[in-house]
Structures are given as structure tokens and as C-alpha cells.
């Protein structure tokens, strides 16, 4: 009987914690100053690479990065997404 009580209590605590986390995620708006996840950083890198950014191009570095940043910002503006970097 004590085992069922522990399982029930564990399930109740797990459900409560999951619902609390879900409620916080739903009610809190996205904070642009919050740190990015690894998946978000990788997605940004893919966007920059698609825009022509070459991280190994040291000769044309500032121009290369600025051009790619403008292209990414234009694409995000067309999609309705707010830009996350200012370049």
C-alpha cells in the first residue's frame, strides 16, 4: 500500500511541476535579452551561411559579415520576425 502511495505522490508532483513550467512558458512573453538556446544559435548560423557569410573568410571579414547581416535582417523583416542582431 505504501508503494502505491509513493507512486501516486510522485505522479502528482510530476504533474504539478510540469503544469507550472508550462504555465510559465505560455504566460511569459519572449524576452529578446534572454540567452539563446543552442538550437537558436545553430539556426542563426544556418541563416547567416545561407546569406553568404563565410566564417573562414578573414580577408573580407567585416564586409562579409555586415553584408550577410543585412541580408538576414531583410529576410526576417519580410517574414515578420524581429531581428535578433544589429549589424
Foldseek 3Di string as FASTA:
>chain_A
DVVVVVVVVVVVVVVVVVVVVVVVVVPDDDDLVDDDDPVVVVVVVVQLVVLPADPPPPVCPPVSNVSSLVVSCVVCVVVVHHDSDDD
